Amino acid sequence: MNDHEQHWLTTPKSVRRLWIGFCIVLLLTVLLDLFVTQYEHFGIDDEFGFYAWYGFLACAAMVVVAKLLGKLLKRPDDYYDR
C-alpha cells in the first residue's frame, strides 16, 4: 500500500457507514427488549431498555475511573532520565 492510499477503515465514507451500522445494531438490540420476557431481580431491571442504559453508564464510569487513575499514576516525562 502506498503512503497516499488510505486504509478502507479510515475513509470518511467507510467511517460513516460503520457508525450507521453500529447505530442500527444498537437500536435493534434495544427494540428486541420488547419481545423478550424480563424477570426482575432488583425491581428496576424489568424496565424497557434497562440493560442498554446500565451498560452505557457502566462503560462511561469505567472511562472516568481510567482517566482519574491515569492522572493519579502519571509520571513526569523525564522520570527515567533523572
Protein backbone atom coordinates (compact mmCIF):
# COMPACT_ATOMS: atom_id res chain seq x y z
CA MET A 1 0.00 0.00 0.00
CA ASN A 2 1.36 3.42 -0.93
CA ASP A 3 1.67 6.30 1.50
CA HIS A 4 -1.03 8.13 -0.46
CA GLU A 5 -3.64 5.37 -0.18
CA GLN A 6 -5.90 5.36 2.85
CA HIS A 7 -6.92 2.19 4.60
CA TRP A 8 -10.56 1.38 3.87
CA LEU A 9 -11.48 1.85 7.55
CA THR A 10 -10.18 5.42 7.61
CA THR A 11 -12.04 6.81 4.62
CA PRO A 12 -14.89 9.16 5.60
CA LYS A 13 -17.38 7.09 3.60
CA SER A 14 -16.49 3.91 5.48
CA VAL A 15 -16.49 5.62 8.87
CA ARG A 16 -19.99 6.98 8.19
CA ARG A 17 -21.23 3.54 7.10
CA LEU A 18 -19.76 1.93 10.22
CA TRP A 19 -21.43 4.50 12.50
CA ILE A 20 -24.78 3.94 10.79
CA GLY A 21 -24.35 0.16 11.02
CA PHE A 22 -23.43 0.26 14.70
CA CYS A 23 -26.37 2.55 15.48
CA ILE A 24 -28.76 0.21 13.65
CA VAL A 25 -27.44 -2.81 15.57
CA LEU A 26 -27.77 -0.90 18.86
CA LEU A 27 -31.32 0.16 18.02
CA LEU A 28 -32.28 -3.39 17.08
CA THR A 29 -30.89 -4.86 20.28
CA VAL A 30 -32.81 -2.31 22.36
CA LEU A 31 -36.01 -2.94 20.38
CA LEU A 32 -35.63 -6.69 20.88
CA ASP A 33 -36.17 -5.95 24.55
CA LEU A 34 -39.87 -5.56 23.66
CA PHE A 35 -40.09 -9.21 22.64
CA VAL A 36 -38.07 -10.79 25.44
CA THR A 37 -39.71 -11.63 28.73
CA GLN A 38 -37.82 -9.97 31.56
CA TYR A 39 -37.84 -11.32 35.10
CA GLU A 40 -36.97 -8.66 37.59
CA HIS A 41 -34.46 -9.32 40.33
CA PHE A 42 -33.89 -5.83 41.73
CA GLY A 43 -37.16 -4.02 40.96
CA ILE A 44 -35.90 -1.77 38.19
CA ASP A 45 -34.28 -4.27 35.87
CA ASP A 46 -37.55 -5.19 34.12
CA GLU A 47 -37.94 -1.69 32.65
CA PHE A 48 -37.60 -1.20 28.88
CA GLY A 49 -34.01 -0.57 27.84
CA PHE A 50 -32.62 -1.01 31.35
CA TYR A 51 -29.67 -3.13 30.26
CA ALA A 52 -28.74 -0.71 27.48
CA TRP A 53 -28.64 2.20 29.93
CA TYR A 54 -26.86 0.10 32.53
CA GLY A 55 -24.19 -0.92 30.02
CA PHE A 56 -23.75 2.65 28.79
CA LEU A 57 -23.42 4.08 32.30
CA ALA A 58 -21.04 1.30 33.36
CA CYS A 59 -18.84 1.97 30.32
CA ALA A 60 -18.88 5.73 30.96
CA ALA A 61 -17.94 5.12 34.61
CA MET A 62 -15.02 2.92 33.55
CA VAL A 63 -13.75 5.67 31.25
CA VAL A 64 -13.96 8.26 34.03
CA VAL A 65 -12.20 5.97 36.52
CA ALA A 66 -9.47 5.21 33.95
CA LYS A 67 -8.93 8.94 33.36
CA LEU A 68 -8.66 9.55 37.11
CA LEU A 69 -6.25 6.64 37.53
CA GLY A 70 -4.18 7.99 34.66
CA LYS A 71 -3.88 11.35 36.39
CA LEU A 72 -3.11 9.70 39.73
CA LEU A 73 -0.45 7.31 38.41
CA LYS A 74 1.07 9.67 35.83
CA ARG A 75 4.83 10.21 35.96
CA PRO A 76 6.74 13.22 34.64
CA ASP A 77 8.09 12.96 31.10
CA ASP A 78 11.67 12.94 32.36
CA TYR A 79 11.04 10.34 35.08
CA TYR A 80 13.57 7.82 33.69
CA ASP A 81 16.09 10.45 32.57
CA ARG A 82 16.98 11.50 36.10
